[in-house]
């Protein structure tokens, strides 16, 4: 069953999905998009497979999702994002960069 949860048209296979990185896998364009309702920007951590924290330049609220821009280009590989929203709900996602 697919449902649409927001106006950008993200479709989820499960109604319980509250945290999605899109496009995933992504090409290195210097940013990722995150759908996570009421993101607490101060809790966001982005790191690589070795646990090295990747510096974030800017987090922009796009009304129905957040654009996370990095200080340096991402290299091809696997990354992880961790965050909480203002209600204390956790988000963790694996991101693949081509």
PDB file of N, CA and C in Angstrom:
ATOM      1  N   UNK A   1       0.838  -1.173   0.000  1.00  0.00           N
ATOM      2  CA  UNK A   1       0.000   0.000   0.000  1.00  0.00           C
ATOM      3  C   UNK A   1       0.886   1.240   0.000  1.00  0.00           C
ATOM      4  N   UNK A   2       0.673   2.132  -0.943  1.00  0.00           N
ATOM      5  CA  UNK A   2       1.409   3.386  -0.992  1.00  0.00           C
ATOM      6  C   UNK A   2       0.498   4.521  -0.563  1.00  0.00           C
ATOM      7  N   UNK A   3       1.074   5.421   0.231  1.00  0.00           N
ATOM      8  CA  UNK A   3       0.329   6.619   0.621  1.00  0.00           C
ATOM      9  C   UNK A   3       1.235   7.822   0.430  1.00  0.00           C
ATOM     10  N   UNK A   4       0.650   8.965   0.206  1.00  0.00           N
ATOM     11  CA  UNK A   4       1.411  10.198   0.086  1.00  0.00           C
ATOM     12  C   UNK A   4       1.225  10.981   1.369  1.00  0.00           C
ATOM     13  N   UNK A   5       2.355  11.339   2.024  1.00  0.00           N
ATOM     14  CA  UNK A   5       2.276  11.998   3.317  1.00  0.00           C
ATOM     15  C   UNK A   5       2.462  13.501   3.270  1.00  0.00           C
ATOM     16  N   UNK A   6       2.924  14.035   2.149  1.00  0.00           N
ATOM     17  CA  UNK A   6       3.150  15.472   2.104  1.00  0.00           C
ATOM     18  C   UNK A   6       3.013  15.986   0.690  1.00  0.00           C
ATOM     19  N   UNK A   7       3.080  17.296   0.538  1.00  0.00           N
ATOM     20  CA  UNK A   7       2.805  17.884  -0.764  1.00  0.00           C
ATOM     21  C   UNK A   7       3.921  17.719  -1.781  1.00  0.00           C
ATOM     22  N   UNK A   8       5.124  17.290  -1.364  1.00  0.00           N
ATOM     23  CA  UNK A   8       6.167  17.059  -2.358  1.00  0.00           C
ATOM     24  C   UNK A   8       6.012  15.698  -3.019  1.00  0.00           C
ATOM     25  N   UNK A   9       5.045  14.921  -2.561  1.00  0.00           N
ATOM     26  CA  UNK A   9       4.706  13.686  -3.246  1.00  0.00           C
ATOM     27  C   UNK A   9       5.561  12.485  -2.887  1.00  0.00           C
ATOM     28  N   UNK A  10       6.222  12.516  -1.726  1.00  0.00           N
ATOM     29  CA  UNK A  10       6.956  11.332  -1.313  1.00  0.00           C
ATOM     30  C   UNK A  10       5.974  10.218  -1.022  1.00  0.00           C
ATOM     31  N   UNK A  11       6.244   9.061  -1.555  1.00  0.00           N
ATOM     32  CA  UNK A  11       5.376   7.917  -1.308  1.00  0.00           C
ATOM     33  C   UNK A  11       6.106   6.923  -0.432  1.00  0.00           C
ATOM     34  N   UNK A  12       5.411   6.372   0.530  1.00  0.00           N
ATOM     35  CA  UNK A  12       5.990   5.436   1.477  1.00  0.00           C
ATOM     36  C   UNK A  12       5.255   4.116   1.385  1.00  0.00           C
ATOM     37  N   UNK A  13       5.981   3.032   1.631  1.00  0.00           N
ATOM     38  CA  UNK A  13       5.355   1.724   1.648  1.00  0.00           C
ATOM     39  C   UNK A  13       4.678   1.448   2.982  1.00  0.00           C
ATOM     40  N   UNK A  14       5.099   2.157   4.020  1.00  0.00           N
ATOM     41  CA  UNK A  14       4.498   1.976   5.337  1.00  0.00           C
ATOM     42  C   UNK A  14       3.996   3.311   5.860  1.00  0.00           C
ATOM     43  N   UNK A  15       2.837   3.314   6.446  1.00  0.00           N
ATOM     44  CA  UNK A  15       2.250   4.548   6.963  1.00  0.00           C
ATOM     45  C   UNK A  15       3.066   5.123   8.117  1.00  0.00           C
ATOM     46  N   UNK A  16       3.876   4.291   8.796  1.00  0.00           N
ATOM     47  CA  UNK A  16       4.646   4.750   9.939  1.00  0.00           C
ATOM     48  C   UNK A  16       5.921   5.490   9.579  1.00  0.00           C
ATOM     49  N   UNK A  17       6.270   5.591   8.311  1.00  0.00           N
ATOM     50  CA  UNK A  17       7.502   6.269   7.912  1.00  0.00           C
ATOM     51  C   UNK A  17       7.398   7.752   8.226  1.00  0.00           C
ATOM     52  N   UNK A  18       8.350   8.241   9.027  1.00  0.00           N
ATOM     53  CA  UNK A  18       8.329   9.655   9.407  1.00  0.00           C
ATOM     54  C   UNK A  18       9.605  10.373   9.013  1.00  0.00           C
ATOM     55  N   UNK A  19      10.598   9.633   8.540  1.00  0.00           N
ATOM     56  CA  UNK A  19      11.915  10.191   8.276  1.00  0.00           C
ATOM     57  C   UNK A  19      12.436   9.592   6.975  1.00  0.00           C
ATOM     58  N   UNK A  20      12.632  10.436   5.971  1.00  0.00           N
ATOM     59  CA  UNK A  20      13.068   9.942   4.668  1.00  0.00           C
ATOM     60  C   UNK A  20      14.084  10.904   4.072  1.00  0.00           C
ATOM     61  N   UNK A  21      15.182  10.344   3.556  1.00  0.00           N
ATOM     62  CA  UNK A  21      16.150  11.111   2.780  1.00  0.00           C
ATOM     63  C   UNK A  21      15.843  10.852   1.313  1.00  0.00           C
ATOM     64  N   UNK A  22      15.782  11.900   0.519  1.00  0.00           N
ATOM     65  CA  UNK A  22      15.494  11.702  -0.903  1.00  0.00           C
ATOM     66  C   UNK A  22      16.378  12.629  -1.718  1.00  0.00           C
ATOM     67  N   UNK A  23      16.718  12.267  -2.792  1.00  0.00           N
ATOM     68  CA  UNK A  23      16.841  11.029  -3.514  1.00  0.00           C
ATOM     69  C   UNK A  23      17.876  10.148  -2.802  1.00  0.00           C
ATOM     70  N   UNK A  24      17.627   8.877  -2.733  1.00  0.00           N
ATOM     71  CA  UNK A  24      18.555   7.957  -2.105  1.00  0.00           C
ATOM     72  C   UNK A  24      18.477   6.625  -2.838  1.00  0.00           C
ATOM     73  N   UNK A  25      19.539   6.230  -3.560  1.00  0.00           N
ATOM     74  CA  UNK A  25      20.853   6.858  -3.625  1.00  0.00           C
ATOM     75  C   UNK A  25      20.808   8.205  -4.341  1.00  0.00           C
ATOM     76  N   UNK A  26      21.819   9.004  -4.056  1.00  0.00           N
ATOM     77  CA  UNK A  26      21.898  10.343  -4.626  1.00  0.00           C
ATOM     78  C   UNK A  26      23.230  10.541  -5.336  1.00  0.00           C
ATOM     79  N   UNK A  27      23.282  11.517  -6.196  1.00  0.00           N
ATOM     80  CA  UNK A  27      24.563  11.914  -6.774  1.00  0.00           C
ATOM     81  C   UNK A  27      25.109  13.030  -5.907  1.00  0.00           C
ATOM     82  N   UNK A  28      26.402  13.261  -5.971  1.00  0.00           N
ATOM     83  CA  UNK A  28      26.998  14.299  -5.135  1.00  0.00           C
ATOM     84  C   UNK A  28      26.652  15.667  -5.694  1.00  0.00           C
ATOM     85  N   UNK A  29      25.654  16.305  -5.095  1.00  0.00           N
ATOM     86  CA  UNK A  29      25.262  17.642  -5.512  1.00  0.00           C
ATOM     87  C   UNK A  29      25.472  18.667  -4.410  1.00  0.00           C
ATOM     88  N   UNK A  30      26.166  18.277  -3.340  1.00  0.00           N
ATOM     89  CA  UNK A  30      26.475  19.208  -2.261  1.00  0.00           C
ATOM     90  C   UNK A  30      25.393  19.341  -1.208  1.00  0.00           C
ATOM     91  N   UNK A  31      24.295  18.634  -1.383  1.00  0.00           N
ATOM     92  CA  UNK A  31      23.213  18.685  -0.396  1.00  0.00           C
ATOM     93  C   UNK A  31      22.383  17.401  -0.469  1.00  0.00           C
ATOM     94  N   UNK A  32      21.599  17.198   0.584  1.00  0.00           N
ATOM     95  CA  UNK A  32      20.580  16.145   0.580  1.00  0.00           C
ATOM     96  C   UNK A  32      19.281  16.771   1.051  1.00  0.00           C
ATOM     97  N   UNK A  33      18.189  16.116   0.768  1.00  0.00           N
ATOM     98  CA  UNK A  33      16.876  16.553   1.233  1.00  0.00           C
ATOM     99  C   UNK A  33      16.380  15.565   2.266  1.00  0.00           C
ATOM    100  N   UNK A  34      15.820  16.088   3.346  1.00  0.00           N
ATOM    101  CA  UNK A  34      15.323  15.259   4.445  1.00  0.00           C
ATOM    102  C   UNK A  34      13.891  15.643   4.748  1.00  0.00           C
ATOM    103  N   UNK A  35      13.000  14.657   4.695  1.00  0.00           N
ATOM    104  CA  UNK A  35      11.640  14.854   5.171  1.00  0.00           C
ATOM    105  C   UNK A  35      11.585  14.295   6.584  1.00  0.00           C
ATOM    106  N   UNK A  36      11.414  15.176   7.574  1.00  0.00           N
ATOM    107  CA  UNK A  36      11.310  14.784   8.979  1.00  0.00           C
ATOM    108  C   UNK A  36      10.565  15.900   9.674  1.00  0.00           C
ATOM    109  N   UNK A  37       9.317  15.666  10.007  1.00  0.00           N
ATOM    110  CA  UNK A  37       8.443  16.683  10.562  1.00  0.00           C
ATOM    111  C   UNK A  37       9.019  17.273  11.845  1.00  0.00           C
ATOM    112  N   UNK A  38       9.094  18.586  11.908  1.00  0.00           N
ATOM    113  CA  UNK A  38       9.539  19.352  13.072  1.00  0.00           C
ATOM    114  C   UNK A  38      10.961  19.011  13.501  1.00  0.00           C
ATOM    115  N   UNK A  39      11.863  18.920  12.532  1.00  0.00           N
ATOM    116  CA  UNK A  39      13.272  18.641  12.810  1.00  0.00           C
ATOM    117  C   UNK A  39      13.837  19.643  13.812  1.00  0.00           C
ATOM    118  N   UNK A  40      14.532  19.140  14.833  1.00  0.00           N
ATOM    119  CA  UNK A  40      15.306  19.985  15.729  1.00  0.00           C
ATOM    120  C   UNK A  40      16.705  20.063  15.118  1.00  0.00           C
ATOM    121  N   UNK A  41      17.010  21.159  14.456  1.00  0.00           N
ATOM    122  CA  UNK A  41      18.258  21.304  13.697  1.00  0.00           C
ATOM    123  C   UNK A  41      19.506  21.098  14.555  1.00  0.00           C
ATOM    124  N   UNK A  42      19.416  21.373  15.842  1.00  0.00           N
ATOM    125  CA  UNK A  42      20.569  21.238  16.737  1.00  0.00           C
ATOM    126  C   UNK A  42      20.948  19.789  17.020  1.00  0.00           C
ATOM    127  N   UNK A  43      20.090  18.848  16.689  1.00  0.00           N
ATOM    128  CA  UNK A  43      20.373  17.442  16.973  1.00  0.00           C
ATOM    129  C   UNK A  43      20.929  16.694  15.767  1.00  0.00           C
ATOM    130  N   UNK A  44      20.997  17.340  14.618  1.00  0.00           N
ATOM    131  CA  UNK A  44      21.369  16.657  13.389  1.00  0.00           C
ATOM    132  C   UNK A  44      22.864  16.331  13.340  1.00  0.00           C
ATOM    133  N   UNK A  45      23.176  15.069  13.095  1.00  0.00           N
ATOM    134  CA  UNK A  45      24.555  14.605  12.931  1.00  0.00           C
ATOM    135  C   UNK A  45      24.624  13.823  11.633  1.00  0.00           C
ATOM    136  N   UNK A  46      25.642  14.107  10.836  1.00  0.00           N
ATOM    137  CA  UNK A  46      25.851  13.429   9.557  1.00  0.00           C
ATOM    138  C   UNK A  46      27.274  12.889   9.571  1.00  0.00           C
ATOM    139  N   UNK A  47      27.426  11.557   9.399  1.00  0.00           N
ATOM    140  CA  UNK A  47      28.772  11.010   9.422  1.00  0.00           C
ATOM    141  C   UNK A  47      28.964   9.931   8.362  1.00  0.00           C
ATOM    142  N   UNK A  48      30.253   9.597   8.138  1.00  0.00           N
ATOM    143  CA  UNK A  48      30.579   8.573   7.148  1.00  0.00           C
ATOM    144  C   UNK A  48      30.691   7.207   7.825  1.00  0.00           C
ATOM    145  N   UNK A  49      31.062   6.190   7.057  1.00  0.00           N
ATOM    146  CA  UNK A  49      31.166   4.822   7.589  1.00  0.00           C
ATOM    147  C   UNK A  49      32.197   4.694   8.701  1.00  0.00           C
ATOM    148  N   UNK A  50      33.208   5.548   8.705  1.00  0.00           N
ATOM    149  CA  UNK A  50      34.247   5.503   9.735  1.00  0.00           C
ATOM    150  C   UNK A  50      33.859   6.262  10.991  1.00  0.00           C
ATOM    151  N   UNK A  51      32.679   6.875  10.992  1.00  0.00           N
ATOM    152  CA  UNK A  51      32.216   7.643  12.142  1.00  0.00           C
ATOM    153  C   UNK A  51      32.660   9.093  12.122  1.00  0.00           C
ATOM    154  N   UNK A  52      33.380   9.494  11.067  1.00  0.00           N
ATOM    155  CA  UNK A  52      33.827  10.892  10.966  1.00  0.00           C
ATOM    156  C   UNK A  52      32.631  11.788  10.702  1.00  0.00           C
ATOM    157  N   UNK A  53      32.490  12.836  11.502  1.00  0.00           N
ATOM    158  CA  UNK A  53      31.375  13.770  11.335  1.00  0.00           C
ATOM    159  C   UNK A  53      31.646  14.659  10.127  1.00  0.00           C
ATOM    160  N   UNK A  54      30.655  14.783   9.272  1.00  0.00           N
ATOM    161  CA  UNK A  54      30.722  15.619   8.076  1.00  0.00           C
ATOM    162  C   UNK A  54      30.124  16.976   8.437  1.00  0.00           C
ATOM    163  N   UNK A  55      30.883  18.037   8.170  1.00  0.00           N
ATOM    164  CA  UNK A  55      30.426  19.377   8.547  1.00  0.00           C
ATOM    165  C   UNK A  55      29.270  19.846   7.668  1.00  0.00           C
ATOM    166  N   UNK A  56      28.259  20.377   8.329  1.00  0.00           N
ATOM    167  CA  UNK A  56      27.079  20.908   7.649  1.00  0.00           C
ATOM    168  C   UNK A  56      27.235  22.422   7.552  1.00  0.00           C
ATOM    169  N   UNK A  57      27.016  22.948   6.371  1.00  0.00           N
ATOM    170  CA  UNK A  57      27.115  24.382   6.147  1.00  0.00           C
ATOM    171  C   UNK A  57      25.817  25.099   6.502  1.00  0.00           C
ATOM    172  N   UNK A  58      24.685  24.518   6.059  1.00  0.00           N
ATOM    173  CA  UNK A  58      23.400  25.205   6.247  1.00  0.00           C
ATOM    174  C   UNK A  58      22.266  24.192   6.189  1.00  0.00           C
ATOM    175  N   UNK A  59      21.248  24.415   7.006  1.00  0.00           N
ATOM    176  CA  UNK A  59      20.015  23.623   6.966  1.00  0.00           C
ATOM    177  C   UNK A  59      18.888  24.597   6.659  1.00  0.00           C
ATOM    178  N   UNK A  60      18.226  24.381   5.523  1.00  0.00           N
ATOM    179  CA  UNK A  60      17.182  25.286   5.071  1.00  0.00           C
ATOM    180  C   UNK A  60      15.823  24.606   5.154  1.00  0.00           C
ATOM    181  N   UNK A  61      14.869  25.267   5.790  1.00  0.00           N
ATOM    182  CA  UNK A  61      13.500  24.775   5.871  1.00  0.00           C
ATOM    183  C   UNK A  61      12.792  25.102   4.569  1.00  0.00           C
ATOM    184  N   UNK A  62      12.372  24.072   3.850  1.00  0.00           N
ATOM    185  CA  UNK A  62      11.694  24.237   2.559  1.00  0.00           C
ATOM    186  C   UNK A  62      10.180  24.020   2.699  1.00  0.00           C
ATOM    187  N   UNK A  63       9.621  24.303   3.866  1.00  0.00           N
ATOM    188  CA  UNK A  63       8.199  24.155   4.213  1.00  0.00           C
ATOM    189  C   UNK A  63       7.794  22.705   4.452  1.00  0.00           C
ATOM    190  N   UNK A  64       8.074  21.808   3.521  1.00  0.00           N
ATOM    191  CA  UNK A  64       7.652  20.419   3.718  1.00  0.00           C
ATOM    192  C   UNK A  64       8.831  19.460   3.794  1.00  0.00           C
ATOM    193  N   UNK A  65      10.048  19.974   3.736  1.00  0.00           N
ATOM    194  CA  UNK A  65      11.253  19.178   3.936  1.00  0.00           C
ATOM    195  C   UNK A  65      12.416  20.123   4.246  1.00  0.00           C
ATOM    196  N   UNK A  66      13.556  19.559   4.561  1.00  0.00           N
ATOM    197  CA  UNK A  66      14.749  20.344   4.870  1.00  0.00           C
ATOM    198  C   UNK A  66      15.837  20.024   3.856  1.00  0.00           C
ATOM    199  N   UNK A  67      16.555  21.050   3.414  1.00  0.00           N
ATOM    200  CA  UNK A  67      17.720  20.866   2.551  1.00  0.00           C
ATOM    201  C   UNK A  67      18.950  21.036   3.434  1.00  0.00           C
ATOM    202  N   UNK A  68      19.797  20.004   3.438  1.00  0.00           N
ATOM    203  CA  UNK A  68      21.012  20.008   4.244  1.00  0.00           C
ATOM    204  C   UNK A  68      22.194  20.168   3.300  1.00  0.00           C
ATOM    205  N   UNK A  69      22.887  21.308   3.424  1.00  0.00           N
ATOM    206  CA  UNK A  69      24.026  21.610   2.560  1.00  0.00           C
ATOM    207  C   UNK A  69      25.314  21.403   3.343  1.00  0.00           C
ATOM    208  N   UNK A  70      26.329  20.848   2.674  1.00  0.00           N
ATOM    209  CA  UNK A  70      27.585  20.511   3.316  1.00  0.00           C
ATOM    210  C   UNK A  70      28.678  21.515   2.982  1.00  0.00           C
ATOM    211  N   UNK A  71      29.644  21.666   3.904  1.00  0.00           N
ATOM    212  CA  UNK A  71      30.757  22.591   3.679  1.00  0.00           C
ATOM    213  C   UNK A  71      31.654  22.113   2.554  1.00  0.00           C
ATOM    214  N   UNK A  72      31.804  20.792   2.406  1.00  0.00           N
ATOM    215  CA  UNK A  72      32.644  20.198   1.373  1.00  0.00           C
ATOM    216  C   UNK A  72      31.835  19.158   0.605  1.00  0.00           C
ATOM    217  N   UNK A  73      32.206  18.906  -0.638  1.00  0.00           N
ATOM    218  CA  UNK A  73      31.483  17.892  -1.419  1.00  0.00           C
ATOM    219  C   UNK A  73      31.589  16.513  -0.760  1.00  0.00           C
ATOM    220  N   UNK A  74      30.536  15.746  -0.878  1.00  0.00           N
ATOM    221  CA  UNK A  74      30.554  14.372  -0.379  1.00  0.00           C
ATOM    222  C   UNK A  74      31.238  13.481  -1.414  1.00  0.00           C
ATOM    223  N   UNK A  75      32.018  12.538  -0.926  1.00  0.00           N
ATOM    224  CA  UNK A  75      32.640  11.564  -1.818  1.00  0.00           C
ATOM    225  C   UNK A  75      31.697  10.376  -1.989  1.00  0.00           C
ATOM    226  N   UNK A  76      31.903   9.615  -3.038  1.00  0.00           N
ATOM    227  CA  UNK A  76      31.121   8.404  -3.246  1.00  0.00           C
ATOM    228  C   UNK A  76      31.257   7.516  -2.017  1.00  0.00           C
ATOM    229  N   UNK A  77      30.137   7.012  -1.531  1.00  0.00           N
ATOM    230  CA  UNK A  77      30.184   6.139  -0.367  1.00  0.00           C
ATOM    231  C   UNK A  77      28.872   6.108   0.396  1.00  0.00           C
ATOM    232  N   UNK A  78      28.958   5.579   1.600  1.00  0.00           N
ATOM    233  CA  UNK A  78      27.795   5.412   2.468  1.00  0.00           C
ATOM    234  C   UNK A  78      27.920   6.360   3.660  1.00  0.00           C
ATOM    235  N   UNK A  79      26.820   6.996   3.991  1.00  0.00           N
ATOM    236  CA  UNK A  79      26.778   7.957   5.083  1.00  0.00           C
ATOM    237  C   UNK A  79      25.559   7.667   5.963  1.00  0.00           C
ATOM    238  N   UNK A  80      25.564   8.249   7.143  1.00  0.00           N
ATOM    239  CA  UNK A  80      24.449   8.087   8.070  1.00  0.00           C
ATOM    240  C   UNK A  80      24.013   9.452   8.581  1.00  0.00           C
ATOM    241  N   UNK A  81      22.712   9.584   8.769  1.00  0.00           N
ATOM    242  CA  UNK A  81      22.166  10.806   9.346  1.00  0.00           C
ATOM    243  C   UNK A  81      21.378  10.421  10.593  1.00  0.00           C
ATOM    244  N   UNK A  82      21.567  11.192  11.650  1.00  0.00           N
ATOM    245  CA  UNK A  82      20.864  10.986  12.912  1.00  0.00           C
ATOM    246  C   UNK A  82      20.287  12.328  13.347  1.00  0.00           C
ATOM    247  N   UNK A  83      19.053  12.318  13.814  1.00  0.00           N
ATOM    248  CA  UNK A  83      18.425  13.559  14.274  1.00  0.00           C
ATOM    249  C   UNK A  83      17.234  13.228  15.158  1.00  0.00           C
ATOM    250  N   UNK A  84      16.748  14.245  15.835  1.00  0.00           N
ATOM    251  CA  UNK A  84      15.499  14.149  16.600  1.00  0.00           C
ATOM    252  C   UNK A  84      14.625  15.313  16.183  1.00  0.00           C
ATOM    253  N   UNK A  85      13.316  15.131  16.355  1.00  0.00           N
ATOM    254  CA  UNK A  85      12.428  16.258  16.094  1.00  0.00           C
ATOM    255  C   UNK A  85      12.057  16.912  17.419  1.00  0.00           C
ATOM    256  N   UNK A  86      11.258  17.948  17.348  1.00  0.00           N
ATOM    257  CA  UNK A  86      10.908  18.723  18.538  1.00  0.00           C
ATOM    258  C   UNK A  86      10.048  17.939  19.517  1.00  0.00           C
ATOM    259  N   UNK A  87       9.529  16.777  19.072  1.00  0.00           N
ATOM    260  CA  UNK A  87       8.759  15.896  19.960  1.00  0.00           C
ATOM    261  C   UNK A  87       9.633  14.809  20.572  1.00  0.00           C
ATOM    262  N   UNK A  88      10.945  14.806  20.241  1.00  0.00           N
ATOM    263  CA  UNK A  88      11.864  13.818  20.780  1.00  0.00           C
ATOM    264  C   UNK A  88      11.932  12.521  19.986  1.00  0.00           C
ATOM    265  N   UNK A  89      11.217  12.439  18.851  1.00  0.00           N
ATOM    266  CA  UNK A  89      11.259  11.233  18.025  1.00  0.00           C
ATOM    267  C   UNK A  89      12.572  11.207  17.253  1.00  0.00           C
ATOM    268  N   UNK A  90      13.150  10.009  17.142  1.00  0.00           N
ATOM    269  CA  UNK A  90      14.453   9.863  16.498  1.00  0.00           C
ATOM    270  C   UNK A  90      14.319   9.510  15.020  1.00  0.00           C
ATOM    271  N   UNK A  91      15.331   9.933  14.272  1.00  0.00           N
ATOM    272  CA  UNK A  91      15.437   9.642  12.847  1.00  0.00           C
ATOM    273  C   UNK A  91      16.846   9.132  12.599  1.00  0.00           C
ATOM    274  N   UNK A  92      16.982   8.011  11.919  1.00  0.00           N
ATOM    275  CA  UNK A  92      18.293   7.560  11.465  1.00  0.00           C
ATOM    276  C   UNK A  92      18.104   6.939  10.089  1.00  0.00           C
ATOM    277  N   UNK A  93      18.962   7.355   9.163  1.00  0.00           N
ATOM    278  CA  UNK A  93      18.872   6.877   7.789  1.00  0.00           C
ATOM    279  C   UNK A  93      20.263   6.634   7.235  1.00  0.00           C
ATOM    280  N   UNK A  94      20.372   5.648   6.353  1.00  0.00           N
ATOM    281  CA  UNK A  94      21.602   5.386   5.618  1.00  0.00           C
ATOM    282  C   UNK A  94      21.456   6.032   4.267  1.00  0.00           C
ATOM    283  N   UNK A  95      22.496   6.762   3.841  1.00  0.00           N
ATOM    284  CA  UNK A  95      22.464   7.474   2.555  1.00  0.00           C
ATOM    285  C   UNK A  95      23.597   6.964   1.683  1.00  0.00           C
ATOM    286  N   UNK A  96      23.278   6.700   0.434  1.00  0.00           N
ATOM    287  CA  UNK A  96      24.271   6.244  -0.533  1.00  0.00           C
ATOM    288  C   UNK A  96      24.544   7.366  -1.533  1.00  0.00           C
ATOM    289  N   UNK A  97      25.818   7.731  -1.683  1.00  0.00           N
ATOM    290  CA  UNK A  97      26.213   8.769  -2.619  1.00  0.00           C
ATOM    291  C   UNK A  97      26.989   8.101  -3.757  1.00  0.00           C
ATOM    292  N   UNK A  98      26.559   8.396  -4.995  1.00  0.00           N
ATOM    293  CA  UNK A  98      27.224   7.843  -6.177  1.00  0.00           C
ATOM    294  C   UNK A  98      28.211   8.833  -6.728  1.00  0.00           C
TER     295      UNK A  98
END
